[in-house]
Amino acid sequence: MRAVGVHNSLPVIDPNALQDVEVPMPVAGARQLLVRVRAVSVNPVDTKIRMTAGSRLDFPRVLGWDCAGVVESIGEQCSLFKPGDEVYYAGDVTQAGCNSEYHLVDERLVGTKPSTLSFEDAAAMPLTTITAWEAMFERMGLRADPQANQGRSILIIGAGGGVGSIAIQLAKKVAGLTVIATASRPESEQWCRDMGADEVLNHKEELEDECKRCGIDGVDYILCLVGTAQYWRSMADIIR
């Protein structure tokens, strides 16, 4: 089957950094799904894995870990999905990636593709959503309960990116928090508001001054998605 592979760790501007390759058609193991790939997305993990591939590989390393597609076949121990199911997921970086016509994935990593999303939109969701969810609900200890968070607020620094865009929505819709985002361009400010942010600060200005300008007297939580050292003093001054 056709795939996009890496033989060497080369700069992405090098014509040989990513190559069209032919690899054997995979066969589903016990708990694996064979997925016919309909869409993939690109994340920083792709760059990191590509740049640690080393020198000339005898067999190409296939990248890609965010995928949406249709289940083609299932392993004998699978119980969660059946052929024909539309799915999406972030795969396993220790296995071959999804930049290929078909892809193997453990069914326990897979979710049913939302019917409201296209394959392309669904493929953009998994890794950013997992990162935002784990940061807020596992690391920060937020509760997915608007009643429990009533009257509380979160500042999301660098909210216009992939993880920030999802974090705004989860913080607003799932946790019920007042969401203060940061952005620096008119279009990214509007994007944050479209995602559900109640207020947007300009992170090119002093955040304490921006809070005062908007009448914000401290916040209960802060999720910083850019250089933490750059905002450490500001975060210490703003957090309640």
C-alpha atoms as a PDB file:
ATOM      1  CA  MET A   1       0.000   0.000   0.000  1.00  0.00           C
ATOM      2  CA  ARG A   2       1.039   3.610  -0.427  1.00  0.00           C
ATOM      3  CA  ALA A   3       2.428   5.607   2.494  1.00  0.00           C
ATOM      4  CA  VAL A   4       4.569   8.646   3.293  1.00  0.00           C
ATOM      5  CA  GLY A   5       7.786   7.592   5.001  1.00  0.00           C
ATOM      6  CA  VAL A   6      11.032   8.852   6.470  1.00  0.00           C
ATOM      7  CA  HIS A   7      14.412   7.291   5.658  1.00  0.00           C
ATOM      8  CA  ASN A   8      16.578   9.959   7.306  1.00  0.00           C
ATOM      9  CA  SER A   9      16.298  12.781   9.826  1.00  0.00           C
ATOM     10  CA  LEU A  10      16.400  15.657   7.350  1.00  0.00           C
ATOM     11  CA  PRO A  11      15.150  19.264   7.495  1.00  0.00           C
ATOM     12  CA  VAL A  12      11.598  19.438   6.218  1.00  0.00           C
ATOM     13  CA  ILE A  13      12.686  21.740   3.363  1.00  0.00           C
ATOM     14  CA  ASP A  14      14.872  18.931   1.998  1.00  0.00           C
ATOM     15  CA  PRO A  15      13.105  17.245  -0.951  1.00  0.00           C
ATOM     16  CA  ASN A  16      13.959  13.841   0.551  1.00  0.00           C
ATOM     17  CA  ALA A  17      12.668  14.590   4.057  1.00  0.00           C
ATOM     18  CA  LEU A  18       9.343  12.879   3.304  1.00  0.00           C
ATOM     19  CA  GLN A  19       9.064  10.254   0.591  1.00  0.00           C
ATOM     20  CA  ASP A  20       6.274   8.355  -1.134  1.00  0.00           C
ATOM     21  CA  VAL A  21       6.875   4.691  -0.350  1.00  0.00           C
ATOM     22  CA  GLU A  22       5.246   1.287  -0.750  1.00  0.00           C
ATOM     23  CA  VAL A  23       4.854  -0.804   2.426  1.00  0.00           C
ATOM     24  CA  PRO A  24       3.142  -4.160   3.058  1.00  0.00           C
ATOM     25  CA  MET A  25      -0.585  -4.161   3.781  1.00  0.00           C
ATOM     26  CA  PRO A  26      -0.972  -4.651   7.563  1.00  0.00           C
ATOM     27  CA  VAL A  27      -3.144  -7.363   9.100  1.00  0.00           C
ATOM     28  CA  ALA A  28      -5.150  -6.745  12.268  1.00  0.00           C
ATOM     29  CA  GLY A  29      -3.895  -8.486  15.409  1.00  0.00           C
ATOM     30  CA  ALA A  30      -5.969  -9.598  18.394  1.00  0.00           C
ATOM     31  CA  ARG A  31      -7.186  -6.178  19.674  1.00  0.00           C
ATOM     32  CA  GLN A  32      -6.334  -4.177  16.569  1.00  0.00           C
ATOM     33  CA  LEU A  33      -8.475  -2.424  13.992  1.00  0.00           C
ATOM     34  CA  LEU A  34      -7.412  -2.066  10.385  1.00  0.00           C
ATOM     35  CA  VAL A  35      -8.612   1.413   9.445  1.00  0.00           C
ATOM     36  CA  ARG A  36      -8.991   2.758   5.924  1.00  0.00           C
ATOM     37  CA  VAL A  37      -7.547   6.229   6.366  1.00  0.00           C
ATOM     38  CA  ARG A  38      -9.729   9.110   5.212  1.00  0.00           C
ATOM     39  CA  ALA A  39      -7.901  12.071   6.810  1.00  0.00           C
ATOM     40  CA  VAL A  40      -4.853  12.821   8.960  1.00  0.00           C
ATOM     41  CA  SER A  41      -3.459  15.900  10.667  1.00  0.00           C
ATOM     42  CA  VAL A  42       0.055  17.081  11.521  1.00  0.00           C
ATOM     43  CA  ASN A  43       1.276  17.827  15.044  1.00  0.00           C
ATOM     44  CA  PRO A  44       4.604  18.693  16.708  1.00  0.00           C
ATOM     45  CA  VAL A  45       5.061  14.997  17.491  1.00  0.00           C
ATOM     46  CA  ASP A  46       5.506  14.355  13.748  1.00  0.00           C
ATOM     47  CA  THR A  47       8.447  16.769  13.662  1.00  0.00           C
ATOM     48  CA  LYS A  48       9.989  15.286  16.810  1.00  0.00           C
ATOM     49  CA  ILE A  49       9.780  11.698  15.572  1.00  0.00           C
ATOM     50  CA  ARG A  50      11.038  12.669  12.114  1.00  0.00           C
ATOM     51  CA  MET A  51      14.083  14.409  13.583  1.00  0.00           C
ATOM     52  CA  THR A  52      14.967  11.402  15.783  1.00  0.00           C
ATOM     53  CA  ALA A  53      14.713   8.823  12.992  1.00  0.00           C
ATOM     54  CA  GLY A  54      18.495   8.755  12.682  1.00  0.00           C
ATOM     55  CA  SER A  55      20.481   8.023   9.552  1.00  0.00           C
ATOM     56  CA  ARG A  56      19.480   5.876   6.599  1.00  0.00           C
ATOM     57  CA  LEU A  57      16.727   3.447   7.662  1.00  0.00           C
ATOM     58  CA  ASP A  58      16.374   0.162   5.805  1.00  0.00           C
ATOM     59  CA  PHE A  59      12.593   0.342   6.252  1.00  0.00           C
ATOM     60  CA  PRO A  60      10.871   3.748   6.180  1.00  0.00           C
ATOM     61  CA  ARG A  61       9.355   5.149   9.344  1.00  0.00           C
ATOM     62  CA  VAL A  62       5.758   6.167   8.663  1.00  0.00           C
ATOM     63  CA  LEU A  63       4.641   9.251  10.583  1.00  0.00           C
ATOM     64  CA  GLY A  64       1.166  10.503  11.507  1.00  0.00           C
ATOM     65  CA  TRP A  65      -0.749   9.975  14.754  1.00  0.00           C
ATOM     66  CA  ASP A  66      -4.032  11.835  14.360  1.00  0.00           C
ATOM     67  CA  CYS A  67      -6.386   9.943  12.091  1.00  0.00           C
ATOM     68  CA  ALA A  68     -10.002   9.610  11.006  1.00  0.00           C
ATOM     69  CA  GLY A  69     -11.244   6.776   8.862  1.00  0.00           C
ATOM     70  CA  VAL A  70     -13.446   3.713   8.443  1.00  0.00           C
ATOM     71  CA  VAL A  71     -12.866   0.324  10.066  1.00  0.00           C
ATOM     72  CA  GLU A  72     -11.922  -2.160   7.332  1.00  0.00           C
ATOM     73  CA  SER A  73     -11.411  -5.272   9.468  1.00  0.00           C
ATOM     74  CA  ILE A  74     -10.968  -6.227  13.133  1.00  0.00           C
ATOM     75  CA  GLY A  75      -8.853  -8.602  15.198  1.00  0.00           C
ATOM     76  CA  GLU A  76     -10.359 -11.734  16.707  1.00  0.00           C
ATOM     77  CA  GLN A  77     -10.521 -10.248  20.219  1.00  0.00           C
ATOM     78  CA  CYS A  78     -12.068  -6.902  19.221  1.00  0.00           C
ATOM     79  CA  SER A  79     -15.418  -6.062  20.775  1.00  0.00           C
ATOM     80  CA  LEU A  80     -15.742  -2.271  20.579  1.00  0.00           C
ATOM     81  CA  PHE A  81     -15.988  -1.699  16.811  1.00  0.00           C
ATOM     82  CA  LYS A  82     -17.033  -3.499  13.640  1.00  0.00           C
ATOM     83  CA  PRO A  83     -16.194  -3.074   9.953  1.00  0.00           C
ATOM     84  CA  GLY A  84     -17.832   0.008   8.494  1.00  0.00           C
ATOM     85  CA  ASP A  85     -17.651   2.061  11.708  1.00  0.00           C
ATOM     86  CA  GLU A  86     -16.358   5.608  11.314  1.00  0.00           C
ATOM     87  CA  VAL A  87     -13.626   6.294  13.891  1.00  0.00           C
ATOM     88  CA  TYR A  88     -11.012   8.819  14.973  1.00  0.00           C
ATOM     89  CA  TYR A  89      -8.033   8.624  17.299  1.00  0.00           C
ATOM     90  CA  ALA A  90      -4.489   9.582  18.250  1.00  0.00           C
ATOM     91  CA  GLY A  91      -2.357   6.509  17.655  1.00  0.00           C
ATOM     92  CA  ASP A  92       0.656   4.939  19.337  1.00  0.00           C
ATOM     93  CA  VAL A  93       4.002   6.627  18.619  1.00  0.00           C
ATOM     94  CA  THR A  94       5.802   3.301  19.080  1.00  0.00           C
ATOM     95  CA  GLN A  95       3.959   1.900  16.048  1.00  0.00           C
ATOM     96  CA  ALA A  96       3.780   2.870  12.387  1.00  0.00           C
ATOM     97  CA  GLY A  97       1.878   6.095  11.820  1.00  0.00           C
ATOM     98  CA  CYS A  98      -1.261   6.793   9.826  1.00  0.00           C
ATOM     99  CA  ASN A  99       0.224   8.612   6.802  1.00  0.00           C
ATOM    100  CA  SER A 100      -0.796   5.628   4.701  1.00  0.00           C
ATOM    101  CA  GLU A 101      -3.803   4.136   2.940  1.00  0.00           C
ATOM    102  CA  TYR A 102      -4.533   1.763   5.831  1.00  0.00           C
ATOM    103  CA  HIS A 103      -3.487   1.859   9.471  1.00  0.00           C
ATOM    104  CA  LEU A 104      -3.413  -0.533  12.422  1.00  0.00           C
ATOM    105  CA  VAL A 105      -4.484   0.755  15.830  1.00  0.00           C
ATOM    106  CA  ASP A 106      -5.411  -0.809  19.165  1.00  0.00           C
ATOM    107  CA  GLU A 107      -9.186  -0.460  19.451  1.00  0.00           C
ATOM    108  CA  ARG A 108      -8.817   0.768  23.054  1.00  0.00           C
ATOM    109  CA  LEU A 109      -7.271   4.002  21.709  1.00  0.00           C
ATOM    110  CA  VAL A 110     -10.152   4.654  19.326  1.00  0.00           C
ATOM    111  CA  GLY A 111     -13.365   6.694  19.529  1.00  0.00           C
ATOM    112  CA  THR A 112     -16.464   6.832  17.346  1.00  0.00           C
ATOM    113  CA  LYS A 113     -16.147   9.759  14.919  1.00  0.00           C
ATOM    114  CA  PRO A 114     -18.705  12.452  15.786  1.00  0.00           C
ATOM    115  CA  SER A 115     -21.410  12.446  13.132  1.00  0.00           C
ATOM    116  CA  THR A 116     -21.364  16.258  13.085  1.00  0.00           C
ATOM    117  CA  LEU A 117     -17.727  16.374  11.938  1.00  0.00           C
ATOM    118  CA  SER A 118     -16.209  15.659   8.549  1.00  0.00           C
ATOM    119  CA  PHE A 119     -13.296  13.236   8.421  1.00  0.00           C
ATOM    120  CA  GLU A 120     -10.938  16.194   7.950  1.00  0.00           C
ATOM    121  CA  ASP A 121     -12.292  18.050  10.978  1.00  0.00           C
ATOM    122  CA  ALA A 122     -12.323  14.896  13.109  1.00  0.00           C
ATOM    123  CA  ALA A 123      -8.677  14.167  12.278  1.00  0.00           C
ATOM    124  CA  ALA A 124      -7.701  17.577  13.667  1.00  0.00           C
ATOM    125  CA  MET A 125      -9.209  16.837  17.073  1.00  0.00           C
ATOM    126  CA  PRO A 126      -7.634  13.899  18.961  1.00  0.00           C
ATOM    127  CA  LEU A 127      -4.172  15.004  20.131  1.00  0.00           C
ATOM    128  CA  THR A 128      -5.129  18.621  20.824  1.00  0.00           C
ATOM    129  CA  THR A 129      -8.234  17.517  22.725  1.00  0.00           C
ATOM    130  CA  ILE A 130      -6.379  14.919  24.790  1.00  0.00           C
ATOM    131  CA  THR A 131      -3.693  17.484  25.673  1.00  0.00           C
ATOM    132  CA  ALA A 132      -6.222  20.108  26.776  1.00  0.00           C
ATOM    133  CA  TRP A 133      -8.331  17.600  28.720  1.00  0.00           C
ATOM    134  CA  GLU A 134      -5.392  16.031  30.553  1.00  0.00           C
ATOM    135  CA  ALA A 135      -3.940  19.444  31.416  1.00  0.00           C
ATOM    136  CA  MET A 136      -7.137  20.803  32.944  1.00  0.00           C
ATOM    137  CA  PHE A 137      -9.033  17.812  34.319  1.00  0.00           C
ATOM    138  CA  GLU A 138      -6.147  15.526  35.310  1.00  0.00           C
ATOM    139  CA  ARG A 139      -3.152  17.756  36.066  1.00  0.00           C
ATOM    140  CA  MET A 140      -4.979  20.890  37.284  1.00  0.00           C
ATOM    141  CA  GLY A 141      -7.755  18.966  38.996  1.00  0.00           C
ATOM    142  CA  LEU A 142     -10.682  20.812  37.425  1.00  0.00           C
ATOM    143  CA  ARG A 143     -14.048  19.096  37.729  1.00  0.00           C
ATOM    144  CA  ALA A 144     -16.223  18.538  34.676  1.00  0.00           C
ATOM    145  CA  ASP A 145     -19.127  20.059  36.571  1.00  0.00           C
ATOM    146  CA  PRO A 146     -20.314  23.649  35.992  1.00  0.00           C
ATOM    147  CA  GLN A 147     -22.026  23.721  39.387  1.00  0.00           C
ATOM    148  CA  ALA A 148     -18.776  22.890  41.169  1.00  0.00           C
ATOM    149  CA  ASN A 149     -16.935  25.659  39.304  1.00  0.00           C
ATOM    150  CA  GLN A 150     -19.567  28.363  39.590  1.00  0.00           C
ATOM    151  CA  GLY A 151     -18.001  31.812  39.899  1.00  0.00           C
ATOM    152  CA  ARG A 152     -14.486  30.579  39.046  1.00  0.00           C
ATOM    153  CA  SER A 153     -12.306  31.666  36.151  1.00  0.00           C
ATOM    154  CA  ILE A 154      -9.394  30.442  34.044  1.00  0.00           C
ATOM    155  CA  LEU A 155      -6.773  32.375  32.102  1.00  0.00           C
ATOM    156  CA  ILE A 156      -5.545  30.554  28.983  1.00  0.00           C
ATOM    157  CA  ILE A 157      -2.302  32.085  27.724  1.00  0.00           C
ATOM    158  CA  GLY A 158      -1.711  31.466  24.016  1.00  0.00           C
ATOM    159  CA  ALA A 159      -5.313  30.443  23.467  1.00  0.00           C
ATOM    160  CA  GLY A 160      -5.436  30.839  19.687  1.00  0.00           C
ATOM    161  CA  GLY A 161      -3.543  27.636  18.851  1.00  0.00           C
ATOM    162  CA  GLY A 162      -4.781  24.075  18.519  1.00  0.00           C
ATOM    163  CA  VAL A 163      -4.689  23.108  22.199  1.00  0.00           C
ATOM    164  CA  GLY A 164      -5.870  26.550  23.308  1.00  0.00           C
ATOM    165  CA  SER A 165      -8.853  26.466  20.966  1.00  0.00           C
ATOM    166  CA  ILE A 166     -10.009  23.189  22.492  1.00  0.00           C
ATOM    167  CA  ALA A 167      -9.172  24.327  26.033  1.00  0.00           C
ATOM    168  CA  ILE A 168     -11.459  27.354  25.679  1.00  0.00           C
ATOM    169  CA  GLN A 169     -14.366  25.139  24.662  1.00  0.00           C
ATOM    170  CA  LEU A 170     -13.794  22.531  27.377  1.00  0.00           C
ATOM    171  CA  ALA A 171     -13.321  25.177  30.075  1.00  0.00           C
ATOM    172  CA  LYS A 172     -16.512  26.947  29.004  1.00  0.00           C
ATOM    173  CA  LYS A 173     -18.834  24.124  28.032  1.00  0.00           C
ATOM    174  CA  VAL A 174     -17.671  21.258  30.268  1.00  0.00           C
ATOM    175  CA  ALA A 175     -16.287  23.024  33.359  1.00  0.00           C
ATOM    176  CA  GLY A 176     -18.531  26.097  33.227  1.00  0.00           C
ATOM    177  CA  LEU A 177     -15.691  28.510  33.958  1.00  0.00           C
ATOM    178  CA  THR A 178     -15.390  32.154  33.008  1.00  0.00           C
ATOM    179  CA  VAL A 179     -12.722  31.997  30.292  1.00  0.00           C
ATOM    180  CA  ILE A 180     -10.121  34.724  29.782  1.00  0.00           C
ATOM    181  CA  ALA A 181      -7.957  34.068  26.740  1.00  0.00           C
ATOM    182  CA  THR A 182      -4.879  35.798  25.377  1.00  0.00           C
ATOM    183  CA  ALA A 183      -4.178  36.667  21.750  1.00  0.00           C
ATOM    184  CA  SER A 184      -2.353  39.465  19.937  1.00  0.00           C
ATOM    185  CA  ARG A 185      -3.935  39.806  16.495  1.00  0.00           C
ATOM    186  CA  PRO A 186      -7.503  40.936  15.709  1.00  0.00           C
ATOM    187  CA  GLU A 187      -8.251  37.705  13.866  1.00  0.00           C
ATOM    188  CA  SER A 188      -6.926  35.483  16.682  1.00  0.00           C
ATOM    189  CA  GLU A 189      -8.841  37.556  19.244  1.00  0.00           C
ATOM    190  CA  GLN A 190     -12.038  37.030  17.262  1.00  0.00           C
ATOM    191  CA  TRP A 191     -11.240  33.324  16.950  1.00  0.00           C
ATOM    192  CA  CYS A 192     -10.941  33.012  20.739  1.00  0.00           C
ATOM    193  CA  ARG A 193     -14.265  34.786  21.207  1.00  0.00           C
ATOM    194  CA  ASP A 194     -15.854  32.502  18.625  1.00  0.00           C
ATOM    195  CA  MET A 195     -14.585  29.504  20.618  1.00  0.00           C
ATOM    196  CA  GLY A 196     -16.343  30.874  23.712  1.00  0.00           C
ATOM    197  CA  ALA A 197     -13.874  33.143  25.519  1.00  0.00           C
ATOM    198  CA  ASP A 198     -15.581  35.748  27.713  1.00  0.00           C
ATOM    199  CA  GLU A 199     -12.641  38.164  27.511  1.00  0.00           C
ATOM    200  CA  VAL A 200      -9.431  38.351  25.496  1.00  0.00           C
ATOM    201  CA  LEU A 201      -6.205  39.989  26.699  1.00  0.00           C
ATOM    202  CA  ASN A 202      -3.303  41.096  24.513  1.00  0.00           C
ATOM    203  CA  HIS A 203      -0.337  38.947  25.554  1.00  0.00           C
ATOM    204  CA  LYS A 204       2.094  41.415  23.975  1.00  0.00           C
ATOM    205  CA  GLU A 205       1.204  43.809  26.790  1.00  0.00           C
ATOM    206  CA  GLU A 206       1.735  43.318  30.532  1.00  0.00           C
ATOM    207  CA  LEU A 207      -0.960  40.857  31.528  1.00  0.00           C
ATOM    208  CA  GLU A 208      -1.513  42.565  34.897  1.00  0.00           C
ATOM    209  CA  ASP A 209      -2.282  45.826  33.066  1.00  0.00           C
ATOM    210  CA  GLU A 210      -4.544  44.000  30.642  1.00  0.00           C
ATOM    211  CA  CYS A 211      -6.461  42.464  33.548  1.00  0.00           C
ATOM    212  CA  LYS A 212      -6.951  45.884  35.106  1.00  0.00           C
ATOM    213  CA  ARG A 213      -8.100  47.282  31.769  1.00  0.00           C
ATOM    214  CA  CYS A 214     -10.777  44.610  31.586  1.00  0.00           C
ATOM    215  CA  GLY A 215     -11.760  44.819  35.254  1.00  0.00           C
ATOM    216  CA  ILE A 216     -10.390  41.363  36.101  1.00  0.00           C
ATOM    217  CA  ASP A 217      -9.330  41.039  39.738  1.00  0.00           C
ATOM    218  CA  GLY A 218      -7.323  37.823  39.546  1.00  0.00           C
ATOM    219  CA  VAL A 219      -8.177  34.358  38.221  1.00  0.00           C
ATOM    220  CA  ASP A 220      -8.571  30.935  39.838  1.00  0.00           C
ATOM    221  CA  TYR A 221      -6.689  28.862  37.273  1.00  0.00           C
ATOM    222  CA  ILE A 222      -4.051  29.529  34.622  1.00  0.00           C
ATOM    223  CA  LEU A 223      -3.210  27.302  31.652  1.00  0.00           C
ATOM    224  CA  CYS A 224      -0.042  28.572  29.953  1.00  0.00           C
ATOM    225  CA  LEU A 225       0.516  27.147  26.476  1.00  0.00           C
ATOM    226  CA  VAL A 226       3.594  29.180  25.559  1.00  0.00           C
ATOM    227  CA  GLY A 227       6.945  29.919  27.247  1.00  0.00           C
ATOM    228  CA  THR A 228       6.232  29.543  30.952  1.00  0.00           C
ATOM    229  CA  ALA A 229       9.339  31.477  32.020  1.00  0.00           C
ATOM    230  CA  GLN A 230       8.194  34.482  29.997  1.00  0.00           C
ATOM    231  CA  TYR A 231       4.955  34.763  31.968  1.00  0.00           C
ATOM    232  CA  TRP A 232       6.016  33.407  35.374  1.00  0.00           C
ATOM    233  CA  ARG A 233       5.961  36.744  37.211  1.00  0.00           C
ATOM    234  CA  SER A 234       2.705  37.797  35.567  1.00  0.00           C
ATOM    235  CA  MET A 235       1.049  34.493  36.455  1.00  0.00           C
ATOM    236  CA  ALA A 236       2.163  34.806  40.071  1.00  0.00           C
ATOM    237  CA  ASP A 237       0.643  38.289  40.251  1.00  0.00           C
ATOM    238  CA  ILE A 238      -2.651  37.315  38.582  1.00  0.00           C
ATOM    239  CA  ILE A 239      -3.468  33.990  40.258  1.00  0.00           C
ATOM    240  CA  ARG A 240      -5.780  34.221  43.281  1.00  0.00           C
END
